[in-house]
N, C-alpha and C. Protein backbone atom coordinates (compact mmCIF):
# COMPACT_ATOMS: atom_id res chain seq x y z
N MET A 1 10.97 36.67 9.42
CA MET A 1 12.01 35.95 9.17
C MET A 1 11.75 34.83 8.28
N TYR A 2 11.22 34.01 9.33
CA TYR A 2 10.84 32.42 8.39
C TYR A 2 10.03 32.43 7.53
N LYS A 3 8.66 33.28 7.31
CA LYS A 3 8.00 33.64 6.23
C LYS A 3 8.75 33.95 4.86
N LEU A 4 9.56 35.08 5.32
CA LEU A 4 10.56 35.74 4.36
C LEU A 4 11.40 34.53 3.08
N ILE A 5 11.98 33.87 4.22
CA ILE A 5 13.15 32.58 3.83
C ILE A 5 12.39 31.82 3.06
N LYS A 6 11.26 31.32 3.74
CA LYS A 6 10.61 30.29 3.03
C LYS A 6 9.97 30.74 1.62
N ARG A 7 9.57 32.03 1.62
CA ARG A 7 8.94 32.70 0.38
C ARG A 7 10.17 32.61 -0.70
N LEU A 8 11.32 32.99 -0.24
CA LEU A 8 12.32 33.17 -1.31
C LEU A 8 12.90 31.78 -1.84
N PHE A 9 12.60 30.46 -0.65
CA PHE A 9 13.02 29.06 -0.95
C PHE A 9 11.69 28.88 -2.13
N ASP A 10 10.76 29.18 -2.23
CA ASP A 10 9.73 28.52 -2.82
C ASP A 10 9.77 29.10 -4.53
N ILE A 11 10.19 30.44 -4.45
CA ILE A 11 10.57 30.94 -5.65
C ILE A 11 11.84 30.53 -6.41
N ILE A 12 12.91 30.46 -5.51
CA ILE A 12 14.20 29.61 -6.44
C ILE A 12 14.16 28.31 -6.77
N PHE A 13 13.21 27.44 -6.00
CA PHE A 13 13.30 25.95 -5.97
C PHE A 13 11.92 25.54 -6.88
N GLY A 14 11.17 26.91 -6.80
CA GLY A 14 10.32 26.54 -7.78
C GLY A 14 10.39 26.51 -9.42
N VAL A 15 11.20 27.70 -9.79
CA VAL A 15 11.58 27.93 -10.64
C VAL A 15 12.59 26.70 -11.04
N ILE A 16 13.39 26.17 -10.07
CA ILE A 16 14.59 25.46 -10.50
C ILE A 16 13.77 23.82 -10.96
N ALA A 17 12.88 23.49 -9.68
CA ALA A 17 11.63 22.35 -10.21
C ALA A 17 10.98 22.44 -11.37
N LEU A 18 10.68 23.69 -12.01
CA LEU A 18 9.70 23.92 -13.24
C LEU A 18 10.76 23.58 -14.82
N ILE A 19 12.08 24.08 -14.61
CA ILE A 19 13.02 23.99 -15.45
C ILE A 19 13.70 22.17 -15.44
N PHE A 20 13.33 21.61 -14.29
CA PHE A 20 13.99 20.76 -14.86
C PHE A 20 12.88 19.68 -14.66
N LEU A 21 11.38 19.97 -14.78
CA LEU A 21 10.57 18.62 -15.06
C LEU A 21 9.81 19.18 -15.90
N SER A 22 10.29 20.18 -17.09
CA SER A 22 9.51 20.45 -17.93
C SER A 22 9.94 19.33 -19.07
N PRO A 23 10.96 18.69 -19.18
CA PRO A 23 11.14 17.61 -19.91
C PRO A 23 10.03 16.50 -19.85
N LEU A 24 9.44 16.17 -18.28
CA LEU A 24 8.78 15.56 -18.27
C LEU A 24 7.11 15.95 -18.66
N PHE A 25 6.71 17.25 -18.47
CA PHE A 25 5.42 17.70 -18.45
C PHE A 25 5.10 17.53 -19.99
N LEU A 26 5.82 17.49 -20.62
CA LEU A 26 5.77 17.60 -22.54
C LEU A 26 5.20 16.50 -22.88
N PRO A 27 5.59 15.17 -22.56
CA PRO A 27 4.94 14.14 -23.11
C PRO A 27 3.65 13.38 -22.08
N ILE A 28 3.66 14.01 -20.97
CA ILE A 28 2.12 13.75 -20.44
C ILE A 28 1.10 14.93 -20.83
N ALA A 29 1.44 15.80 -21.43
CA ALA A 29 0.75 16.98 -22.08
C ALA A 29 0.58 16.59 -23.28
N LEU A 30 0.96 15.53 -23.74
CA LEU A 30 0.81 14.82 -25.30
C LEU A 30 -0.25 14.05 -25.17
N ILE A 31 0.15 13.14 -24.02
CA ILE A 31 -0.43 11.66 -24.00
C ILE A 31 -2.30 12.00 -23.23
N LEU A 32 -2.14 13.10 -22.48
CA LEU A 32 -3.47 14.03 -21.70
C LEU A 32 -4.54 14.40 -22.93
N LYS A 33 -3.47 15.03 -23.87
CA LYS A 33 -4.42 15.56 -25.09
C LYS A 33 -5.12 15.00 -25.94
N PHE A 34 -4.31 13.46 -25.81
CA PHE A 34 -5.23 12.68 -27.09
C PHE A 34 -5.81 11.18 -26.09
N THR A 35 -5.95 11.54 -25.02
CA THR A 35 -6.80 10.52 -24.19
C THR A 35 -7.57 11.25 -23.53
N LEU A 36 -8.72 10.38 -22.70
CA LEU A 36 -9.87 10.88 -22.04
C LEU A 36 -11.09 11.82 -22.62
N GLU A 37 -10.89 13.13 -22.50
CA GLU A 37 -11.54 14.15 -23.17
C GLU A 37 -10.56 15.73 -23.82
N GLY A 38 -9.51 15.14 -23.98
CA GLY A 38 -8.42 16.00 -24.23
C GLY A 38 -8.01 17.07 -23.59
N GLU A 39 -8.68 16.89 -21.80
CA GLU A 39 -7.78 17.73 -21.33
C GLU A 39 -6.30 18.04 -20.65
N ILE A 40 -5.91 18.31 -20.66
CA ILE A 40 -4.04 18.80 -20.39
C ILE A 40 -4.52 19.16 -18.52
N PHE A 41 -4.59 20.01 -18.13
CA PHE A 41 -4.97 20.56 -16.82
C PHE A 41 -6.30 20.98 -16.23
N TYR A 42 -6.59 20.68 -14.95
CA TYR A 42 -7.56 20.63 -14.60
C TYR A 42 -7.52 21.72 -13.11
N LEU A 43 -8.36 22.84 -13.63
CA LEU A 43 -8.14 23.62 -12.33
C LEU A 43 -9.50 23.90 -11.97
N GLN A 44 -9.08 23.88 -9.88
CA GLN A 44 -10.05 23.66 -9.06
C GLN A 44 -10.27 24.67 -7.92
N GLU A 45 -11.36 25.42 -7.63
CA GLU A 45 -11.15 26.19 -6.70
C GLU A 45 -11.00 26.02 -5.33
N ARG A 46 -9.80 26.41 -4.62
CA ARG A 46 -10.08 25.77 -3.13
C ARG A 46 -9.72 26.93 -2.43
N ILE A 47 -9.83 26.84 -1.26
CA ILE A 47 -9.65 27.75 -0.02
C ILE A 47 -8.36 27.88 0.29
N GLY A 48 -7.77 28.93 0.36
CA GLY A 48 -6.02 29.51 0.34
C GLY A 48 -5.71 29.96 1.60
N TYR A 49 -4.59 30.99 1.67
CA TYR A 49 -4.23 31.48 2.75
C TYR A 49 -5.06 32.43 3.20
N LYS A 50 -5.11 32.73 4.50
CA LYS A 50 -5.93 33.54 4.78
C LYS A 50 -7.61 33.27 4.39
N ASN A 51 -7.95 32.04 3.85
CA ASN A 51 -9.57 31.49 3.59
C ASN A 51 -9.94 32.48 2.31
N LYS A 52 -8.97 33.25 1.71
CA LYS A 52 -8.89 33.50 0.35
C LYS A 52 -9.05 32.51 -0.64
N LYS A 53 -10.01 32.59 -1.68
CA LYS A 53 -10.25 31.23 -2.53
C LYS A 53 -9.14 31.55 -4.04
N PHE A 54 -8.52 30.40 -4.26
CA PHE A 54 -8.03 30.77 -5.69
C PHE A 54 -8.05 29.19 -6.39
N LYS A 55 -7.26 29.39 -7.49
CA LYS A 55 -7.58 28.29 -8.45
C LYS A 55 -6.37 27.32 -8.36
N ILE A 56 -6.06 26.04 -7.98
CA ILE A 56 -4.83 25.25 -8.06
C ILE A 56 -5.45 24.61 -9.25
N ILE A 57 -3.93 24.52 -9.68
CA ILE A 57 -3.85 23.26 -11.18
C ILE A 57 -3.31 22.25 -10.92
N LYS A 58 -3.75 21.12 -11.69
CA LYS A 58 -3.41 19.73 -11.41
C LYS A 58 -3.42 19.25 -13.02
N PHE A 59 -2.29 18.19 -13.39
CA PHE A 59 -3.25 17.03 -14.66
C PHE A 59 -4.24 16.78 -14.30
N ALA A 60 -5.10 17.00 -15.70
CA ALA A 60 -6.16 16.31 -15.60
C ALA A 60 -6.21 14.66 -15.70
N THR A 61 -6.88 14.17 -14.32
CA THR A 61 -6.92 12.84 -14.40
C THR A 61 -8.49 12.21 -14.56
N MET A 62 -9.30 12.92 -14.77
CA MET A 62 -10.87 12.44 -14.52
C MET A 62 -11.39 13.35 -15.20
N LEU A 63 -13.00 12.57 -15.76
CA LEU A 63 -13.65 13.27 -16.30
C LEU A 63 -13.89 14.79 -15.84
N LYS A 64 -14.24 15.47 -16.85
CA LYS A 64 -14.53 17.02 -16.52
C LYS A 64 -15.92 17.37 -15.61
N ASP A 65 -16.69 16.68 -15.88
CA ASP A 65 -17.81 16.41 -15.26
C ASP A 65 -17.82 15.84 -13.79
N SER A 66 -16.81 15.33 -13.23
CA SER A 66 -16.78 14.35 -12.30
C SER A 66 -17.40 14.86 -11.02
N PRO A 67 -17.22 16.39 -10.78
CA PRO A 67 -17.73 16.36 -9.22
C PRO A 67 -19.46 16.50 -9.34
N ASN A 68 -19.95 16.01 -10.44
CA ASN A 68 -21.16 16.00 -10.65
C ASN A 68 -21.85 14.58 -10.93
N ILE A 69 -20.75 13.73 -10.95
CA ILE A 69 -21.23 12.43 -11.09
C ILE A 69 -20.65 11.64 -10.02
N GLY A 70 -21.43 10.08 -9.57
CA GLY A 70 -21.03 9.60 -8.75
C GLY A 70 -20.79 10.01 -7.18
N THR A 71 -19.73 9.87 -6.78
CA THR A 71 -19.32 10.09 -5.52
C THR A 71 -18.89 11.85 -5.28
N GLY A 72 -19.15 12.68 -6.37
CA GLY A 72 -18.85 14.23 -6.27
C GLY A 72 -17.22 14.34 -6.13
N MET A 73 -17.21 15.28 -4.90
CA MET A 73 -15.41 15.45 -4.43
C MET A 73 -15.08 14.32 -3.85
N ILE A 74 -15.19 13.43 -3.37
CA ILE A 74 -14.69 12.39 -2.83
C ILE A 74 -14.56 11.55 -4.15
N THR A 75 -13.00 10.89 -4.01
CA THR A 75 -12.39 10.03 -5.00
C THR A 75 -12.15 8.71 -4.57
N LEU A 76 -12.41 7.74 -4.98
CA LEU A 76 -12.23 6.45 -4.50
C LEU A 76 -11.08 5.62 -5.21
N SER A 77 -10.59 4.67 -4.43
CA SER A 77 -9.55 3.71 -5.31
C SER A 77 -10.52 3.10 -6.17
N ASN A 78 -9.86 3.32 -7.53
CA ASN A 78 -10.26 2.39 -8.97
C ASN A 78 -11.20 3.35 -9.44
N ASP A 79 -11.69 4.39 -8.74
CA ASP A 79 -12.86 5.11 -9.05
C ASP A 79 -12.78 5.16 -10.72
N SER A 80 -14.02 4.82 -11.34
CA SER A 80 -14.56 4.68 -13.17
C SER A 80 -13.95 6.00 -13.52
N ARG A 81 -14.15 7.39 -12.83
CA ARG A 81 -14.21 8.64 -13.09
C ARG A 81 -12.53 8.77 -13.86
N VAL A 82 -11.93 8.02 -12.91
CA VAL A 82 -10.28 8.19 -13.61
C VAL A 82 -10.07 7.50 -14.54
N SER A 83 -8.98 8.09 -15.51
CA SER A 83 -8.47 7.64 -16.64
C SER A 83 -7.29 6.37 -16.56
N THR A 84 -7.32 5.58 -17.26
CA THR A 84 -5.79 4.64 -17.49
C THR A 84 -4.45 5.69 -16.72
N ILE A 85 -3.89 6.43 -17.43
CA ILE A 85 -3.15 7.14 -17.23
C ILE A 85 -3.57 8.10 -16.09
N GLY A 86 -4.36 8.67 -15.52
CA GLY A 86 -4.64 9.53 -14.48
C GLY A 86 -4.40 8.53 -13.06
N LYS A 87 -4.98 6.82 -13.36
CA LYS A 87 -4.45 6.46 -12.10
C LYS A 87 -3.14 6.34 -12.00
N TYR A 88 -2.11 6.29 -12.62
CA TYR A 88 -0.47 6.24 -12.48
C TYR A 88 -0.45 7.62 -12.30
N LEU A 89 -0.84 8.54 -12.79
CA LEU A 89 -0.83 10.22 -12.48
C LEU A 89 -0.86 10.49 -10.91
N ARG A 90 -1.81 9.96 -10.66
CA ARG A 90 -2.59 9.91 -9.06
C ARG A 90 -1.63 9.13 -8.07
N SER A 91 -1.34 8.32 -8.62
CA SER A 91 -0.89 7.08 -7.31
C SER A 91 0.86 7.54 -7.31
N SER A 92 1.40 8.34 -8.06
CA SER A 92 2.78 8.44 -8.51
C SER A 92 2.86 9.88 -7.70
N LYS A 93 1.76 10.91 -7.71
CA LYS A 93 1.62 11.92 -7.21
C LYS A 93 2.01 12.80 -8.53
N ILE A 94 2.35 12.57 -9.70
CA ILE A 94 2.55 13.51 -10.59
C ILE A 94 1.82 14.33 -10.72
N ASN A 95 0.40 14.12 -10.86
CA ASN A 95 -0.68 15.10 -11.10
C ASN A 95 -0.30 15.90 -10.23
N GLU A 96 0.22 15.99 -9.02
CA GLU A 96 0.27 17.33 -8.49
C GLU A 96 1.23 18.48 -8.89
N LEU A 97 2.08 18.25 -9.81
CA LEU A 97 3.09 18.85 -10.14
C LEU A 97 3.12 20.02 -10.82
N PRO A 98 2.21 20.22 -11.63
CA PRO A 98 1.95 21.71 -12.06
C PRO A 98 1.22 22.74 -10.88
N GLN A 99 1.27 22.16 -9.93
CA GLN A 99 0.95 23.23 -8.56
C GLN A 99 2.06 23.83 -8.40
N ILE A 100 3.49 23.94 -9.00
CA ILE A 100 4.45 24.39 -9.01
C ILE A 100 4.36 26.02 -9.69
N PHE A 101 3.59 26.46 -10.47
CA PHE A 101 2.99 27.07 -11.05
C PHE A 101 2.39 28.29 -9.75
N ASN A 102 1.74 27.36 -9.04
CA ASN A 102 1.11 28.08 -7.53
C ASN A 102 1.85 28.63 -6.83
N ILE A 103 2.79 27.86 -6.38
CA ILE A 103 4.14 27.88 -5.69
C ILE A 103 4.73 29.42 -6.20
N ILE A 104 5.08 29.26 -7.36
CA ILE A 104 5.74 30.52 -7.94
C ILE A 104 4.98 31.76 -7.74
N LYS A 105 3.80 31.80 -8.26
CA LYS A 105 2.71 32.92 -7.98
C LYS A 105 2.50 32.90 -6.41
N GLY A 106 2.79 32.37 -5.66
CA GLY A 106 2.71 32.85 -4.49
C GLY A 106 0.85 32.34 -3.79
N ASP A 107 0.35 31.19 -4.54
CA ASP A 107 -0.99 30.73 -4.01
C ASP A 107 -0.78 29.64 -2.60
N ILE A 108 0.75 29.02 -3.19
CA ILE A 108 0.95 27.68 -2.00
C ILE A 108 2.22 27.75 -1.70
N SER A 109 2.91 26.92 -0.78
CA SER A 109 4.09 26.87 -0.73
C SER A 109 4.33 25.54 -0.97
N PHE A 110 5.80 25.23 -0.93
CA PHE A 110 5.87 23.91 -0.84
C PHE A 110 5.45 22.76 0.32
N VAL A 111 5.27 23.67 1.41
CA VAL A 111 4.89 22.94 2.75
C VAL A 111 3.92 23.92 3.54
N GLY A 112 2.77 23.17 3.77
CA GLY A 112 1.67 23.62 4.54
C GLY A 112 0.43 22.77 4.19
N PRO A 113 -0.48 23.25 5.34
CA PRO A 113 -1.72 22.64 5.49
C PRO A 113 -2.25 22.49 3.77
N ARG A 114 -2.72 21.56 3.24
CA ARG A 114 -3.24 21.06 2.24
C ARG A 114 -4.71 22.06 2.10
N PRO A 115 -4.83 22.83 0.47
CA PRO A 115 -5.70 23.60 0.41
C PRO A 115 -7.00 22.57 0.00
N LEU A 116 -8.00 23.10 0.57
CA LEU A 116 -9.49 22.09 0.28
C LEU A 116 -10.30 22.76 0.03
N VAL A 117 -11.12 21.85 -1.21
CA VAL A 117 -12.48 22.56 -1.83
C VAL A 117 -12.97 23.20 -0.46
N GLU A 118 -14.02 23.87 -0.69
CA GLU A 118 -15.09 24.67 0.04
C GLU A 118 -15.96 23.32 0.78
N SER A 119 -16.09 22.38 0.07
CA SER A 119 -17.35 21.66 0.92
C SER A 119 -16.53 20.98 1.92
N MET A 120 -15.12 20.68 1.89
CA MET A 120 -14.56 19.51 2.43
C MET A 120 -14.16 20.59 3.73
N PHE A 121 -14.07 21.59 3.78
CA PHE A 121 -13.28 22.75 4.37
C PHE A 121 -14.14 23.20 5.32
N ASN A 122 -15.65 23.04 5.14
CA ASN A 122 -16.54 23.20 5.75
C ASN A 122 -17.12 22.08 7.04
N HIS A 123 -16.30 20.88 6.74
CA HIS A 123 -16.38 20.11 7.96
C HIS A 123 -15.58 20.40 8.85
N TYR A 124 -14.59 21.04 8.90
CA TYR A 124 -13.53 21.43 10.03
C TYR A 124 -14.47 22.42 10.98
N SER A 125 -14.07 21.87 12.07
CA SER A 125 -14.61 22.93 13.18
C SER A 125 -14.91 25.00 12.71
N LEU A 126 -15.24 25.32 13.27
CA LEU A 126 -15.10 26.62 13.06
C LEU A 126 -13.69 27.25 13.74
N ASP A 127 -12.98 26.68 14.86
CA ASP A 127 -11.92 27.07 14.65
C ASP A 127 -10.60 27.00 13.89
N ILE A 128 -10.97 25.72 13.69
CA ILE A 128 -10.03 25.15 12.73
C ILE A 128 -9.82 26.21 11.51
N GLN A 129 -11.44 26.36 11.34
CA GLN A 129 -11.54 27.18 10.04
C GLN A 129 -10.77 28.73 10.02
N LYS A 130 -10.87 29.03 11.36
CA LYS A 130 -10.27 30.54 11.37
C LYS A 130 -9.04 30.36 11.50
N ASN A 131 -8.28 29.39 12.18
CA ASN A 131 -6.85 29.34 11.93
C ASN A 131 -6.14 28.72 11.55
N ILE A 132 -6.38 27.50 10.53
CA ILE A 132 -5.65 26.40 9.66
C ILE A 132 -5.06 27.34 8.46
N TYR A 133 -5.49 28.58 7.90
CA TYR A 133 -4.78 28.81 6.46
C TYR A 133 -4.44 30.35 6.85
N LYS A 134 -3.96 30.22 8.53
CA LYS A 134 -3.28 31.39 8.67
C LYS A 134 -1.63 30.97 8.49
N SER A 135 -1.61 29.91 8.42
CA SER A 135 -0.26 29.36 7.61
C SER A 135 -0.82 29.18 5.81
N LYS A 136 0.05 29.41 5.06
CA LYS A 136 0.09 29.77 3.76
C LYS A 136 0.14 27.82 3.43
N PRO A 137 -1.31 27.35 2.22
CA PRO A 137 -1.03 26.27 2.08
C PRO A 137 0.01 25.19 1.60
N GLY A 138 0.35 24.08 1.11
CA GLY A 138 0.92 23.62 0.84
C GLY A 138 0.84 22.59 -0.42
N LEU A 139 1.81 22.23 -1.33
CA LEU A 139 1.86 21.47 -2.26
C LEU A 139 1.67 19.99 -1.51
N THR A 140 2.45 19.74 -0.32
CA THR A 140 2.46 18.80 0.66
C THR A 140 2.64 19.37 2.24
N GLY A 141 2.22 18.32 2.93
CA GLY A 141 1.82 18.68 4.33
C GLY A 141 1.92 17.47 5.40
N ILE A 142 1.96 17.71 6.14
CA ILE A 142 1.89 16.23 7.29
C ILE A 142 0.63 15.42 7.35
N GLY A 143 -0.43 16.39 7.36
CA GLY A 143 -1.56 15.75 6.47
C GLY A 143 -1.75 14.81 5.41
N SER A 144 -0.60 15.23 4.26
CA SER A 144 -0.66 14.60 3.16
C SER A 144 -0.24 13.18 3.54
N ILE A 145 0.98 13.00 4.18
CA ILE A 145 1.69 12.10 4.39
C ILE A 145 1.15 11.13 5.60
N VAL A 146 0.15 11.64 6.22
CA VAL A 146 -0.77 10.80 7.41
C VAL A 146 -1.50 10.05 6.60
N PHE A 147 -2.37 10.83 5.49
CA PHE A 147 -3.37 10.58 4.59
C PHE A 147 -3.10 10.40 3.17
N ARG A 148 -1.86 9.67 3.18
CA ARG A 148 -1.41 9.59 1.65
C ARG A 148 -2.48 8.85 0.82
N ASP A 149 -3.03 7.72 1.66
CA ASP A 149 -3.82 7.02 0.87
C ASP A 149 -5.31 6.67 1.46
N GLU A 150 -5.55 7.89 1.26
CA GLU A 150 -7.06 8.14 1.93
C GLU A 150 -8.03 7.89 0.68
N GLU A 151 -7.78 7.76 0.02
CA GLU A 151 -8.64 7.21 -1.46
C GLU A 151 -9.13 5.79 -0.81
N SER A 152 -8.48 4.69 -0.34
CA SER A 152 -8.51 3.50 0.10
C SER A 152 -9.25 3.53 1.45
N LEU A 153 -9.13 4.72 2.24
CA LEU A 153 -10.03 4.40 3.61
C LEU A 153 -11.44 5.03 3.02
N PHE A 154 -11.87 5.58 1.93
CA PHE A 154 -13.49 5.21 2.11
C PHE A 154 -13.80 3.67 1.45
N ASN A 155 -12.86 3.16 0.59
CA ASN A 155 -13.32 1.97 0.10
C ASN A 155 -13.76 0.69 1.26
N LEU A 156 -12.93 1.00 2.40
CA LEU A 156 -12.68 0.18 3.78
C LEU A 156 -14.03 0.76 4.67
N SER A 157 -14.24 1.83 4.20
CA SER A 157 -15.51 2.52 5.15
C SER A 157 -16.44 1.82 5.66
N LYS A 158 -16.91 0.74 4.77
CA LYS A 158 -18.27 0.15 4.57
C LYS A 158 -19.71 0.94 5.34
N THR A 159 -19.69 2.22 4.35
CA THR A 159 -20.63 2.85 4.15
C THR A 159 -20.90 3.39 2.94
N ASN A 160 -22.47 4.29 2.75
CA ASN A 160 -22.82 4.56 1.51
C ASN A 160 -22.60 6.19 1.74
N ASP A 161 -22.43 6.74 2.98
CA ASP A 161 -22.44 7.88 3.10
C ASP A 161 -21.10 8.31 3.51
N LEU A 162 -20.43 8.50 2.12
CA LEU A 162 -19.19 8.94 1.75
C LEU A 162 -18.99 10.53 2.89
N HIS A 163 -19.79 11.21 2.63
CA HIS A 163 -19.30 12.49 3.09
C HIS A 163 -19.46 12.36 4.67
N LYS A 164 -20.45 11.92 5.28
CA LYS A 164 -20.64 11.76 6.75
C LYS A 164 -19.27 11.16 7.28
N PHE A 165 -18.78 9.97 6.52
CA PHE A 165 -17.78 9.23 7.06
C PHE A 165 -16.18 10.24 6.95
N TYR A 166 -16.32 11.23 6.06
CA TYR A 166 -15.28 11.94 5.82
C TYR A 166 -15.24 13.22 7.08
N LYS A 167 -16.29 13.99 7.32
CA LYS A 167 -16.89 14.56 8.05
C LYS A 167 -16.43 13.96 9.23
N GLU A 168 -16.90 13.09 9.80
CA GLU A 168 -16.45 12.20 11.17
C GLU A 168 -15.55 11.51 11.62
N ASN A 169 -14.59 10.81 10.51
CA ASN A 169 -13.41 10.03 10.90
C ASN A 169 -12.29 10.73 10.19
N ILE A 170 -12.18 11.27 9.35
CA ILE A 170 -11.28 11.94 8.63
C ILE A 170 -10.93 13.18 8.80
N SER A 171 -12.00 14.31 8.46
CA SER A 171 -11.66 16.01 8.93
C SER A 171 -11.28 16.07 10.25
N PRO A 172 -11.70 15.42 11.32
CA PRO A 172 -11.51 15.93 12.68
C PRO A 172 -9.90 15.86 12.86
N TYR A 173 -9.51 14.55 12.28
CA TYR A 173 -8.03 14.52 12.75
C TYR A 173 -7.16 15.26 11.68
N LYS A 174 -7.53 15.06 10.25
CA LYS A 174 -6.99 16.12 9.60
C LYS A 174 -6.54 17.45 9.96
N GLY A 175 -7.77 17.57 10.86
CA GLY A 175 -7.83 19.18 11.18
C GLY A 175 -6.77 19.38 12.54
N GLN A 176 -6.58 18.23 13.07
CA GLN A 176 -5.54 18.22 14.39
C GLN A 176 -4.07 18.37 13.62
N LEU A 177 -3.84 17.63 12.83
CA LEU A 177 -2.46 17.30 12.30
C LEU A 177 -2.12 18.78 11.81
N GLU A 178 -3.07 19.50 10.95
CA GLU A 178 -2.76 20.72 10.34
C GLU A 178 -2.27 21.96 11.19
N THR A 179 -3.63 21.59 12.16
CA THR A 179 -3.16 22.41 13.64
C THR A 179 -1.60 22.23 14.14
N TRP A 180 -1.17 20.67 14.30
CA TRP A 180 0.03 20.42 14.59
C TRP A 180 0.95 21.29 13.98
N TYR A 181 1.08 21.32 12.82
CA TYR A 181 1.83 21.84 11.97
C TYR A 181 1.89 23.20 12.13
N ARG A 182 0.95 23.61 11.88
CA ARG A 182 0.94 25.63 12.56
C ARG A 182 1.66 25.70 13.68
N ASN A 183 1.77 24.98 14.76
CA ASN A 183 2.25 25.14 16.39
C ASN A 183 3.50 24.71 16.00
N ASN A 184 4.13 24.10 15.06
CA ASN A 184 5.25 23.54 15.30
C ASN A 184 6.44 23.90 13.84
N SER A 185 5.79 24.66 13.04
CA SER A 185 6.30 24.73 11.77
C SER A 185 7.41 25.60 11.98
N SER A 186 8.91 25.01 11.04
CA SER A 186 9.84 25.45 11.10
C SER A 186 10.89 24.99 10.18
N PHE A 187 12.05 25.39 9.61
CA PHE A 187 12.82 24.48 8.39
C PHE A 187 13.10 23.45 8.19
N ARG A 188 13.28 23.05 9.90
CA ARG A 188 13.60 21.68 9.68
C ARG A 188 12.34 20.96 9.70
N VAL A 189 11.36 21.24 10.22
CA VAL A 189 10.13 20.39 10.03
C VAL A 189 9.96 20.20 8.47
N ASP A 190 9.72 21.26 7.96
CA ASP A 190 9.65 21.34 6.69
C ASP A 190 10.40 20.17 5.65
N PHE A 191 11.44 20.66 5.57
CA PHE A 191 12.56 19.48 5.17
C PHE A 191 11.98 18.43 5.57
N MET A 192 11.96 17.69 6.41
CA MET A 192 11.69 16.67 6.82
C MET A 192 10.34 16.18 6.25
N ILE A 193 9.31 17.10 6.37
CA ILE A 193 8.01 16.98 5.78
C ILE A 193 8.39 16.29 3.94
N ILE A 194 9.19 17.20 3.58
CA ILE A 194 9.56 17.19 2.33
C ILE A 194 10.35 15.47 1.93
N LEU A 195 11.04 15.18 2.66
CA LEU A 195 11.61 13.75 2.84
C LEU A 195 10.46 13.12 3.15
N PHE A 196 9.75 13.19 4.05
CA PHE A 196 8.87 12.17 4.40
C PHE A 196 7.77 11.79 3.22
N THR A 197 7.62 12.94 2.33
CA THR A 197 6.75 12.49 1.19
C THR A 197 7.25 12.07 0.34
N ALA A 198 8.64 12.21 0.05
CA ALA A 198 9.42 11.22 -0.92
C ALA A 198 9.11 9.80 -0.63
N HIS A 199 9.80 9.48 0.74
CA HIS A 199 9.26 8.34 1.67
C HIS A 199 8.13 7.75 1.03
N ALA A 200 7.08 8.48 1.51
CA ALA A 200 5.87 7.75 1.38
C ALA A 200 5.21 7.46 0.14
N ILE A 201 5.79 8.02 -1.04
CA ILE A 201 5.40 7.49 -2.43
C ILE A 201 6.29 6.19 -2.78
N ILE A 202 7.11 6.03 -1.97
CA ILE A 202 8.24 4.62 -2.38
C ILE A 202 7.61 3.54 -1.66
N PHE A 203 7.50 3.97 -0.70
CA PHE A 203 6.84 3.18 0.92
C PHE A 203 5.84 3.74 1.47
N PRO A 204 4.52 3.36 0.73
CA PRO A 204 3.26 3.90 0.99
C PRO A 204 2.62 3.72 2.38
N LYS A 205 3.21 2.42 2.78
CA LYS A 205 2.98 1.45 4.30
C LYS A 205 3.46 2.10 5.26
N SER A 206 4.82 3.00 5.20
CA SER A 206 5.68 3.39 6.05
C SER A 206 5.24 4.20 7.43
N ASN A 207 5.29 4.06 8.57
CA ASN A 207 4.61 4.98 9.40
C ASN A 207 6.00 5.77 10.04
N ALA A 208 7.05 5.56 9.20
CA ALA A 208 8.51 6.26 9.58
C ALA A 208 8.61 7.19 10.14
N PHE A 209 7.62 8.28 9.54
CA PHE A 209 7.64 9.81 10.21
C PHE A 209 7.48 9.99 11.47
N ARG A 210 6.36 8.95 12.23
CA ARG A 210 6.22 8.71 13.80
C ARG A 210 7.64 9.24 14.51
N LYS A 211 8.42 8.52 14.13
CA LYS A 211 9.52 8.33 14.67
C LYS A 211 10.17 9.85 14.85
N VAL A 212 10.01 10.58 14.01
CA VAL A 212 10.89 11.88 13.84
C VAL A 212 9.46 12.70 14.46
N PHE A 213 8.58 12.83 14.26
CA PHE A 213 7.66 13.55 14.72
C PHE A 213 6.67 12.84 15.79
N LYS A 214 7.30 13.10 16.50
CA LYS A 214 6.70 12.32 18.24
C LYS A 214 5.64 13.14 18.79
N THR A 215 5.53 13.99 18.58
CA THR A 215 4.40 15.03 19.08
C THR A 215 3.14 14.94 18.25
N LEU A 216 3.25 14.30 17.46
CA LEU A 216 2.11 14.01 16.43
C LEU A 216 0.51 13.70 17.42
N PRO A 217 -0.41 14.36 16.88
CA PRO A 217 -1.54 13.98 17.71
C PRO A 217 -2.09 12.71 17.28
N LYS A 218 -2.57 11.51 18.32
CA LYS A 218 -2.99 10.48 17.64
C LYS A 218 -4.48 10.70 17.28
N ASN A 219 -4.55 9.73 15.90
CA ASN A 219 -6.02 9.44 15.57
C ASN A 219 -6.77 8.77 16.79
N GLN A 220 -8.00 9.33 17.75
CA GLN A 220 -8.52 8.79 18.71
C GLN A 220 -9.22 7.63 18.15
N LYS A 221 -10.02 7.87 16.76
CA LYS A 221 -10.39 6.97 16.02
C LYS A 221 -9.91 5.53 16.16
N THR A 222 -8.66 5.47 15.66
CA THR A 222 -7.94 4.41 15.73
C THR A 222 -7.01 4.18 16.77
N ASN A 223 -6.16 5.15 17.40
CA ASN A 223 -5.42 5.30 18.18
C ASN A 223 -3.85 5.30 17.88
N GLU A 224 -3.86 5.91 16.53
CA GLU A 224 -2.70 5.66 15.82
C GLU A 224 -2.31 6.99 15.58
């Protein structure tokens, strides 16, 4: 019943959100068309529900060949591959909004574990890989809130091997968080995640979500 009602919620509010946001999409599309490389949308293959691959859609914010330039799939703060307008779209999370099309289509839900590219997905343990996407991926999730400023972590890592840093310092804890969501998913949890996602955009340093989600696992690296 939970999955059925959640799917109905995704369709109804996805269509409403698309109608409501359409006036915003047009000027952004025009700006992107005449800046950077003229690309409006960026399609990227991600691991989705039951580990099946799908194409996620975002507003283009980086050079088209970015995966083959510099740090590859890892994006840093002040990354030179990101356009000026792209920096704003990324910091405000507006670049994620076209994923409403993915929600309506059924690739993802509003709330769930974030779908990863295969190279990052492979950093998870085999147990997490087998179970994490038994829940449909989401536009946002508990991992998105906790790692809302993930890009800055790479700048603070003081290492040149960023993929190793991700594998050893980010991936294990992110896997624990997404496992927590799978074990605790409910309408209440989904609703609170949506609220805290908006809260994190306005107050990126706030950890208020921990006062509500008191059973969240702590990061063993930082004890947070």
